[in-house]
Amino acid sequence: MMRCKHCWTKADPQNGQCPVCGIVPDKPNGDLSAAEKKAQRYARAILLLAGLHALGALAGMVAFFNMPGSILGRACALLAAISATLAVGFLRYALWAYRLAVVLYFLLGMVNVISINLGGILVSLIALYLVGNGTSKAIFERRLPE
């Protein structure tokens, strides 16, 4: 099993291409077409979101251990569990993680719109854009992006 140098996943090439990003694993970065560069960029953005969710899960667990008996501490533990689940799903490029993330980011955006939180609206829109576009969906569905 080899690691693709474009999306950084461990996968055996199928028909000479990585099953996740659809790029030939040994192809130099200078020889990538525009569509392949776009797929590489979004695959790495998904991994960045996985890292941010892992940090969020860690922060939620720290908040839970600082307030173990309160309702707020339990809510932080629940959000930390959801965030850790998303981080694992994003690292595996799982389709269920894509679906869960789209629903979660949409709901967070709606909560931020209702509470008029401009920073939260911006963050949820950026996250929804990075996960919910066609190229990312193709990566999660393990098909070649158009």
N, C-alpha and C. Protein backbone atom coordinates (compact mmCIF):
# COMPACT_ATOMS: atom_id res chain seq x y z
N MET A 1 0.85 -1.17 0.00
CA MET A 1 0.00 0.00 0.00
C MET A 1 0.89 1.24 0.00
N MET A 2 0.64 2.12 -0.91
CA MET A 2 1.45 3.32 -1.02
C MET A 2 0.63 4.55 -0.64
N ARG A 3 1.30 5.65 -0.41
CA ARG A 3 0.64 6.90 -0.05
C ARG A 3 0.66 7.84 -1.25
N CYS A 4 -0.51 8.38 -1.58
CA CYS A 4 -0.61 9.35 -2.66
C CYS A 4 0.01 10.66 -2.19
N LYS A 5 0.87 11.25 -3.00
CA LYS A 5 1.52 12.49 -2.58
C LYS A 5 0.65 13.71 -2.81
N HIS A 6 -0.52 13.53 -3.41
CA HIS A 6 -1.40 14.67 -3.68
C HIS A 6 -2.49 14.83 -2.62
N CYS A 7 -3.09 13.72 -2.19
CA CYS A 7 -4.14 13.81 -1.16
C CYS A 7 -3.70 13.19 0.16
N TRP A 8 -2.50 12.62 0.21
CA TRP A 8 -1.87 12.07 1.40
C TRP A 8 -2.64 10.90 2.01
N THR A 9 -3.31 10.10 1.20
CA THR A 9 -4.01 8.93 1.73
C THR A 9 -3.24 7.67 1.38
N LYS A 10 -3.44 6.65 2.19
CA LYS A 10 -2.87 5.33 1.90
C LYS A 10 -3.89 4.58 1.07
N ALA A 11 -3.58 4.37 -0.18
CA ALA A 11 -4.51 3.68 -1.07
C ALA A 11 -3.73 3.05 -2.21
N ASP A 12 -4.19 1.89 -2.64
CA ASP A 12 -3.60 1.25 -3.80
C ASP A 12 -4.17 1.89 -5.06
N PRO A 13 -3.33 2.27 -6.01
CA PRO A 13 -3.84 2.89 -7.24
C PRO A 13 -4.71 1.92 -8.04
N GLN A 14 -5.80 2.44 -8.54
CA GLN A 14 -6.70 1.66 -9.41
C GLN A 14 -6.61 2.27 -10.80
N ASN A 15 -6.25 1.45 -11.78
CA ASN A 15 -6.05 1.92 -13.15
C ASN A 15 -4.98 3.01 -13.22
N GLY A 16 -4.01 2.95 -12.31
CA GLY A 16 -2.92 3.92 -12.31
C GLY A 16 -3.24 5.23 -11.63
N GLN A 17 -4.46 5.37 -11.07
CA GLN A 17 -4.85 6.62 -10.42
C GLN A 17 -5.22 6.36 -8.96
N CYS A 18 -5.07 7.38 -8.14
CA CYS A 18 -5.47 7.30 -6.74
C CYS A 18 -7.00 7.21 -6.69
N PRO A 19 -7.57 6.29 -5.90
CA PRO A 19 -9.02 6.19 -5.85
C PRO A 19 -9.69 7.36 -5.14
N VAL A 20 -8.96 8.14 -4.39
CA VAL A 20 -9.56 9.26 -3.67
C VAL A 20 -9.56 10.52 -4.51
N CYS A 21 -8.40 10.96 -4.97
CA CYS A 21 -8.33 12.24 -5.69
C CYS A 21 -8.36 12.08 -7.20
N GLY A 22 -8.09 10.88 -7.71
CA GLY A 22 -8.14 10.65 -9.15
C GLY A 22 -6.90 11.09 -9.90
N ILE A 23 -5.80 11.32 -9.20
CA ILE A 23 -4.55 11.77 -9.82
C ILE A 23 -3.56 10.61 -9.78
N VAL A 24 -2.70 10.52 -10.76
CA VAL A 24 -1.65 9.51 -10.74
C VAL A 24 -0.73 9.83 -9.56
N PRO A 25 -0.51 8.87 -8.64
CA PRO A 25 0.23 9.17 -7.41
C PRO A 25 1.65 9.69 -7.61
N ASP A 26 2.34 9.29 -8.66
CA ASP A 26 3.73 9.71 -8.85
C ASP A 26 3.88 10.92 -9.76
N LYS A 27 2.79 11.53 -10.16
CA LYS A 27 2.84 12.65 -11.10
C LYS A 27 3.41 13.89 -10.40
N PRO A 28 4.39 14.55 -11.00
CA PRO A 28 4.95 15.77 -10.38
C PRO A 28 3.91 16.89 -10.33
N ASN A 29 4.05 17.74 -9.34
CA ASN A 29 3.10 18.84 -9.17
C ASN A 29 3.10 19.81 -10.34
N GLY A 30 4.21 19.96 -11.01
CA GLY A 30 4.28 20.86 -12.16
C GLY A 30 3.52 20.37 -13.37
N ASP A 31 3.27 19.06 -13.45
CA ASP A 31 2.57 18.49 -14.60
C ASP A 31 1.08 18.33 -14.38
N LEU A 32 0.54 18.81 -13.28
CA LEU A 32 -0.88 18.65 -12.99
C LEU A 32 -1.71 19.60 -13.84
N SER A 33 -2.85 19.11 -14.31
CA SER A 33 -3.78 19.98 -15.05
C SER A 33 -4.54 20.85 -14.05
N ALA A 34 -5.34 21.76 -14.55
CA ALA A 34 -6.10 22.66 -13.68
C ALA A 34 -7.10 21.88 -12.83
N ALA A 35 -7.76 20.89 -13.41
CA ALA A 35 -8.73 20.09 -12.65
C ALA A 35 -8.04 19.25 -11.58
N GLU A 36 -6.85 18.74 -11.89
CA GLU A 36 -6.11 17.96 -10.90
C GLU A 36 -5.60 18.83 -9.76
N LYS A 37 -5.18 20.06 -10.08
CA LYS A 37 -4.76 20.98 -9.02
C LYS A 37 -5.93 21.34 -8.11
N LYS A 38 -7.11 21.48 -8.72
CA LYS A 38 -8.31 21.79 -7.94
C LYS A 38 -8.65 20.63 -7.02
N ALA A 39 -8.57 19.40 -7.52
CA ALA A 39 -8.85 18.22 -6.70
C ALA A 39 -7.83 18.11 -5.57
N GLN A 40 -6.57 18.39 -5.86
CA GLN A 40 -5.53 18.35 -4.84
C GLN A 40 -5.79 19.40 -3.76
N ARG A 41 -6.17 20.60 -4.19
CA ARG A 41 -6.43 21.68 -3.24
C ARG A 41 -7.59 21.35 -2.31
N TYR A 42 -8.67 20.80 -2.86
CA TYR A 42 -9.82 20.48 -2.02
C TYR A 42 -9.57 19.26 -1.14
N ALA A 43 -8.79 18.30 -1.60
CA ALA A 43 -8.44 17.15 -0.75
C ALA A 43 -7.63 17.61 0.45
N ARG A 44 -6.73 18.53 0.22
CA ARG A 44 -5.94 19.06 1.35
C ARG A 44 -6.76 19.96 2.25
N ALA A 45 -7.75 20.67 1.70
CA ALA A 45 -8.64 21.49 2.53
C ALA A 45 -9.49 20.60 3.43
N ILE A 46 -9.89 19.44 2.94
CA ILE A 46 -10.65 18.50 3.76
C ILE A 46 -9.78 18.01 4.91
N LEU A 47 -8.50 17.74 4.64
CA LEU A 47 -7.60 17.34 5.71
C LEU A 47 -7.37 18.47 6.71
N LEU A 48 -7.34 19.71 6.24
CA LEU A 48 -7.22 20.85 7.15
C LEU A 48 -8.45 20.93 8.07
N LEU A 49 -9.63 20.73 7.51
CA LEU A 49 -10.83 20.72 8.33
C LEU A 49 -10.81 19.57 9.33
N ALA A 50 -10.25 18.43 8.94
CA ALA A 50 -10.13 17.31 9.87
C ALA A 50 -9.24 17.71 11.06
N GLY A 51 -8.15 18.39 10.78
CA GLY A 51 -7.28 18.85 11.85
C GLY A 51 -7.96 19.87 12.76
N LEU A 52 -8.73 20.77 12.17
CA LEU A 52 -9.46 21.75 12.98
C LEU A 52 -10.52 21.08 13.84
N HIS A 53 -11.17 20.06 13.30
CA HIS A 53 -12.16 19.32 14.10
C HIS A 53 -11.48 18.55 15.23
N ALA A 54 -10.28 18.03 14.98
CA ALA A 54 -9.56 17.34 16.04
C ALA A 54 -9.19 18.32 17.16
N LEU A 55 -8.76 19.52 16.79
CA LEU A 55 -8.46 20.54 17.81
C LEU A 55 -9.73 20.95 18.55
N GLY A 56 -10.84 21.06 17.84
CA GLY A 56 -12.11 21.39 18.49
C GLY A 56 -12.56 20.30 19.45
N ALA A 57 -12.33 19.05 19.08
CA ALA A 57 -12.68 17.95 19.98
C ALA A 57 -11.82 17.99 21.24
N LEU A 58 -10.55 18.30 21.07
CA LEU A 58 -9.67 18.41 22.23
C LEU A 58 -10.11 19.56 23.14
N ALA A 59 -10.44 20.69 22.55
CA ALA A 59 -10.89 21.84 23.34
C ALA A 59 -12.22 21.53 24.05
N GLY A 60 -13.11 20.81 23.39
CA GLY A 60 -14.38 20.45 24.01
C GLY A 60 -14.20 19.51 25.19
N MET A 61 -13.26 18.59 25.08
CA MET A 61 -13.01 17.68 26.19
C MET A 61 -12.34 18.40 27.36
N VAL A 62 -11.48 19.35 27.07
CA VAL A 62 -10.87 20.15 28.14
C VAL A 62 -11.96 20.95 28.85
N ALA A 63 -12.89 21.52 28.10
CA ALA A 63 -13.99 22.27 28.71
C ALA A 63 -14.87 21.35 29.55
N PHE A 64 -15.10 20.14 29.08
CA PHE A 64 -15.91 19.18 29.84
C PHE A 64 -15.24 18.82 31.16
N PHE A 65 -13.92 18.59 31.13
CA PHE A 65 -13.24 18.22 32.36
C PHE A 65 -13.11 19.39 33.32
N ASN A 66 -13.22 20.62 32.84
CA ASN A 66 -13.20 21.78 33.72
C ASN A 66 -14.55 22.03 34.36
N MET A 67 -15.64 21.59 33.73
CA MET A 67 -17.00 21.75 34.28
C MET A 67 -17.77 20.43 34.17
N PRO A 68 -17.39 19.39 34.91
CA PRO A 68 -17.97 18.07 34.68
C PRO A 68 -19.44 17.94 35.06
N GLY A 69 -19.93 18.67 36.01
CA GLY A 69 -21.30 18.47 36.46
C GLY A 69 -22.32 19.39 35.82
N SER A 70 -21.89 20.36 35.05
CA SER A 70 -22.83 21.34 34.52
C SER A 70 -23.39 20.91 33.17
N ILE A 71 -24.49 21.53 32.81
CA ILE A 71 -25.12 21.26 31.51
C ILE A 71 -24.20 21.73 30.38
N LEU A 72 -23.53 22.85 30.58
CA LEU A 72 -22.61 23.36 29.57
C LEU A 72 -21.45 22.40 29.32
N GLY A 73 -20.95 21.77 30.37
CA GLY A 73 -19.88 20.78 30.22
C GLY A 73 -20.34 19.57 29.43
N ARG A 74 -21.58 19.13 29.67
CA ARG A 74 -22.11 18.00 28.91
C ARG A 74 -22.31 18.37 27.44
N ALA A 75 -22.75 19.60 27.18
CA ALA A 75 -22.90 20.05 25.80
C ALA A 75 -21.55 20.12 25.10
N CYS A 76 -20.52 20.56 25.81
CA CYS A 76 -19.18 20.59 25.24
C CYS A 76 -18.69 19.18 24.92
N ALA A 77 -19.01 18.21 25.79
CA ALA A 77 -18.60 16.83 25.54
C ALA A 77 -19.32 16.27 24.32
N LEU A 78 -20.60 16.60 24.14
CA LEU A 78 -21.34 16.14 22.97
C LEU A 78 -20.77 16.75 21.69
N LEU A 79 -20.49 18.04 21.71
CA LEU A 79 -19.90 18.68 20.54
C LEU A 79 -18.49 18.15 20.26
N ALA A 80 -17.76 17.82 21.31
CA ALA A 80 -16.43 17.24 21.12
C ALA A 80 -16.52 15.87 20.48
N ALA A 81 -17.52 15.08 20.87
CA ALA A 81 -17.70 13.75 20.27
C ALA A 81 -18.07 13.87 18.79
N ILE A 82 -18.95 14.80 18.46
CA ILE A 82 -19.33 15.02 17.07
C ILE A 82 -18.13 15.50 16.26
N SER A 83 -17.36 16.39 16.83
CA SER A 83 -16.20 16.92 16.13
C SER A 83 -15.13 15.85 15.93
N ALA A 84 -14.92 15.00 16.91
CA ALA A 84 -13.95 13.91 16.76
C ALA A 84 -14.42 12.91 15.70
N THR A 85 -15.71 12.64 15.67
CA THR A 85 -16.27 11.75 14.65
C THR A 85 -16.05 12.32 13.26
N LEU A 86 -16.30 13.61 13.10
CA LEU A 86 -16.07 14.25 11.81
C LEU A 86 -14.59 14.24 11.43
N ALA A 87 -13.71 14.43 12.39
CA ALA A 87 -12.28 14.41 12.09
C ALA A 87 -11.86 13.05 11.55
N VAL A 88 -12.33 11.99 12.18
CA VAL A 88 -11.99 10.64 11.72
C VAL A 88 -12.58 10.39 10.33
N GLY A 89 -13.82 10.80 10.13
CA GLY A 89 -14.46 10.61 8.82
C GLY A 89 -13.77 11.40 7.72
N PHE A 90 -13.34 12.61 8.03
CA PHE A 90 -12.64 13.42 7.03
C PHE A 90 -11.28 12.81 6.69
N LEU A 91 -10.59 12.26 7.68
CA LEU A 91 -9.30 11.63 7.40
C LEU A 91 -9.44 10.42 6.50
N ARG A 92 -10.58 9.76 6.56
CA ARG A 92 -10.83 8.58 5.72
C ARG A 92 -11.59 8.93 4.44
N TYR A 93 -11.93 10.19 4.26
CA TYR A 93 -12.73 10.64 3.12
C TYR A 93 -14.01 9.81 3.01
N ALA A 94 -14.72 9.66 4.13
CA ALA A 94 -15.93 8.83 4.17
C ALA A 94 -17.14 9.66 3.73
N LEU A 95 -18.04 9.02 3.00
CA LEU A 95 -19.22 9.71 2.49
C LEU A 95 -20.16 10.12 3.62
N TRP A 96 -20.25 9.31 4.66
CA TRP A 96 -21.11 9.67 5.79
C TRP A 96 -20.59 10.93 6.48
N ALA A 97 -19.29 11.14 6.51
CA ALA A 97 -18.73 12.36 7.11
C ALA A 97 -19.09 13.58 6.27
N TYR A 98 -19.10 13.41 4.95
CA TYR A 98 -19.51 14.50 4.07
C TYR A 98 -20.96 14.90 4.37
N ARG A 99 -21.84 13.92 4.46
CA ARG A 99 -23.25 14.21 4.72
C ARG A 99 -23.46 14.83 6.09
N LEU A 100 -22.79 14.30 7.10
CA LEU A 100 -22.91 14.85 8.44
C LEU A 100 -22.37 16.28 8.50
N ALA A 101 -21.26 16.53 7.82
CA ALA A 101 -20.65 17.87 7.84
C ALA A 101 -21.53 18.89 7.14
N VAL A 102 -22.13 18.52 6.03
CA VAL A 102 -23.00 19.46 5.31
C VAL A 102 -24.19 19.84 6.19
N VAL A 103 -24.80 18.87 6.83
CA VAL A 103 -25.93 19.15 7.71
C VAL A 103 -25.48 20.00 8.90
N LEU A 104 -24.36 19.64 9.52
CA LEU A 104 -23.87 20.37 10.68
C LEU A 104 -23.51 21.81 10.34
N TYR A 105 -22.78 22.01 9.25
CA TYR A 105 -22.38 23.37 8.88
C TYR A 105 -23.59 24.21 8.49
N PHE A 106 -24.57 23.60 7.84
CA PHE A 106 -25.79 24.34 7.49
C PHE A 106 -26.53 24.76 8.76
N LEU A 107 -26.67 23.83 9.72
CA LEU A 107 -27.36 24.16 10.97
C LEU A 107 -26.61 25.22 11.77
N LEU A 108 -25.29 25.12 11.81
CA LEU A 108 -24.50 26.15 12.50
C LEU A 108 -24.65 27.51 11.81
N GLY A 109 -24.71 27.50 10.50
CA GLY A 109 -24.95 28.74 9.78
C GLY A 109 -26.31 29.35 10.11
N MET A 110 -27.33 28.51 10.21
CA MET A 110 -28.66 29.00 10.56
C MET A 110 -28.70 29.56 11.98
N VAL A 111 -28.04 28.91 12.91
CA VAL A 111 -27.98 29.41 14.29
C VAL A 111 -27.27 30.75 14.33
N ASN A 112 -26.20 30.88 13.55
CA ASN A 112 -25.46 32.15 13.53
C ASN A 112 -26.24 33.25 12.83
N VAL A 113 -27.07 32.90 11.85
CA VAL A 113 -27.90 33.91 11.21
C VAL A 113 -28.97 34.41 12.17
N ILE A 114 -29.58 33.49 12.90
CA ILE A 114 -30.62 33.88 13.85
C ILE A 114 -30.05 34.74 14.97
N SER A 115 -28.85 34.38 15.45
CA SER A 115 -28.25 35.14 16.54
C SER A 115 -27.43 36.33 16.04
N ILE A 116 -27.40 36.56 14.74
CA ILE A 116 -26.68 37.67 14.11
C ILE A 116 -25.21 37.69 14.55
N ASN A 117 -24.54 36.57 14.34
CA ASN A 117 -23.13 36.42 14.65
C ASN A 117 -22.37 36.39 13.31
N LEU A 118 -21.82 37.53 12.91
CA LEU A 118 -21.19 37.64 11.60
C LEU A 118 -19.95 36.76 11.46
N GLY A 119 -19.16 36.65 12.50
CA GLY A 119 -17.97 35.79 12.44
C GLY A 119 -18.35 34.32 12.28
N GLY A 120 -19.37 33.89 13.01
CA GLY A 120 -19.85 32.51 12.90
C GLY A 120 -20.44 32.21 11.54
N ILE A 121 -21.14 33.20 10.98
CA ILE A 121 -21.71 33.03 9.64
C ILE A 121 -20.58 32.84 8.63
N LEU A 122 -19.54 33.64 8.73
CA LEU A 122 -18.41 33.56 7.81
C LEU A 122 -17.70 32.21 7.92
N VAL A 123 -17.45 31.76 9.15
CA VAL A 123 -16.76 30.48 9.36
C VAL A 123 -17.60 29.33 8.84
N SER A 124 -18.90 29.33 9.12
CA SER A 124 -19.75 28.22 8.67
C SER A 124 -19.90 28.23 7.14
N LEU A 125 -19.94 29.41 6.53
CA LEU A 125 -20.02 29.46 5.07
C LEU A 125 -18.73 28.97 4.41
N ILE A 126 -17.59 29.32 4.97
CA ILE A 126 -16.32 28.84 4.41
C ILE A 126 -16.22 27.33 4.56
N ALA A 127 -16.58 26.80 5.73
CA ALA A 127 -16.52 25.35 5.94
C ALA A 127 -17.51 24.64 5.03
N LEU A 128 -18.70 25.20 4.88
CA LEU A 128 -19.70 24.58 3.99
C LEU A 128 -19.24 24.63 2.54
N TYR A 129 -18.56 25.69 2.15
CA TYR A 129 -18.03 25.78 0.79
C TYR A 129 -16.94 24.75 0.55
N LEU A 130 -16.02 24.59 1.52
CA LEU A 130 -14.92 23.65 1.34
C LEU A 130 -15.39 22.20 1.28
N VAL A 131 -16.45 21.87 2.00
CA VAL A 131 -16.93 20.48 2.02
C VAL A 131 -18.06 20.27 1.03
N GLY A 132 -18.89 21.25 0.82
CA GLY A 132 -20.12 21.03 0.06
C GLY A 132 -20.04 21.28 -1.43
N ASN A 133 -18.88 21.60 -1.99
CA ASN A 133 -18.82 21.86 -3.43
C ASN A 133 -18.72 20.55 -4.21
N GLY A 134 -18.83 20.64 -5.51
CA GLY A 134 -18.85 19.46 -6.37
C GLY A 134 -17.56 18.67 -6.38
N THR A 135 -16.43 19.36 -6.31
CA THR A 135 -15.15 18.67 -6.31
C THR A 135 -14.97 17.86 -5.03
N SER A 136 -15.31 18.45 -3.89
CA SER A 136 -15.21 17.72 -2.63
C SER A 136 -16.18 16.55 -2.59
N LYS A 137 -17.37 16.76 -3.12
CA LYS A 137 -18.34 15.67 -3.15
C LYS A 137 -17.83 14.52 -4.00
N ALA A 138 -17.19 14.83 -5.12
CA ALA A 138 -16.62 13.78 -5.97
C ALA A 138 -15.50 13.04 -5.24
N ILE A 139 -14.72 13.75 -4.44
CA ILE A 139 -13.65 13.11 -3.67
C ILE A 139 -14.26 12.16 -2.64
N PHE A 140 -15.30 12.60 -1.95
CA PHE A 140 -15.94 11.74 -0.96
C PHE A 140 -16.65 10.55 -1.60
N GLU A 141 -17.17 10.73 -2.79
CA GLU A 141 -17.84 9.63 -3.48
C GLU A 141 -16.88 8.72 -4.22
N ARG A 142 -15.59 9.02 -4.18
CA ARG A 142 -14.54 8.23 -4.82
C ARG A 142 -14.73 8.13 -6.32
N ARG A 143 -15.10 9.25 -6.91
CA ARG A 143 -15.17 9.31 -8.37
C ARG A 143 -14.31 10.47 -8.82
N LEU A 144 -13.98 10.48 -10.09
CA LEU A 144 -13.10 11.52 -10.62
C LEU A 144 -13.85 12.85 -10.69
N PRO A 145 -13.26 13.91 -10.16
CA PRO A 145 -13.90 15.23 -10.28
C PRO A 145 -13.90 15.70 -11.72
N GLU A 146 -14.94 16.45 -12.09
CA GLU A 146 -15.03 16.98 -13.46
C GLU A 146 -14.25 18.26 -13.57
